[in-house]
């Protein structure tokens, strides 16, 4: 197990390095420059700005300097928010996004897993059919549509819920619903299929034959094995939640990292774009690595090389 953990951690470090390298060179391939959009700025002033931010140096030297500083957590200064460091911007905005995403993930797990179990146990009944229809609809409808419909119905027409900001717990309802809808639907279908497979196994039938109640056989024996695909999905779920929150944060005017990233793209703030991309990619890679390790701990029968 130790050998596997070392290999996974090593692979994660290499992946993060490749993501940072690709992000750096892709940003330098973008036509134009970060100061082109500045109003009435002369070529001499542009050159002075490039010199100030180190953009006048050879690309190879820029890359080495950037990677060395990034390894120490320094992603450089923002090119548009003068006097602010990229790391400061990210870590001031990320807690907002993390809280919103964390609540959405918990809602998805605590709603999707029970729904999938109920649908499997009630297979073929109207309850199962209703859950399958709802889950299919949740997968088919994108988050920005849910945002728009939710804002129109509950914010504009009924005036039950606020439509922007995160100042009170009520403000979280619409954004969390928009972010959690797809994961709930996907986890429900995943859990249903996995549970149907597990409850048909011989050891479940043996437990029932020995007089073990249905509740005990499901939650003590079946659930532990049936939940493994959901555990594996937690890594991609984090990636979906982080990227999906970009649009949701922009629509609901949430002061998180997603809204900051979209604004940076429009402003050509290259250092913020690179720093945010590398930071989020690193977070997703770390989570996927932890999920792989936890997956093996939950089921010792799994042999991973």
Foldseek 3Di string as FASTA:
>chain_A
DVVVLVVLVVVLVVVLVVLLVVLLVVLVPDPDALCPPPPPDDPVNVVVLCVVQVVVDDSVVVSVVQVVCVVVVFLGPWSPPPPHGLSVLAVVFAVLLCVLLVVLVVVLVVQQQVLLVVLQVVPPDVSVVVLLVQLVVLQVDALVVLLVVCCVPCCPPVNPADQAEDPDPRPSVSLSCSLNSNSSSVSSVLLNVLLNVQCPDPVLVVCVVVPNDPVCSCVVPRCLRSCLVVLLCVLVSLVSSSQSVLSSCCRRVYRHLSVVLVVCVVSVRSSNVSSSSSVSSSVSSVSNSVSVVVSCVSPVVDDDD
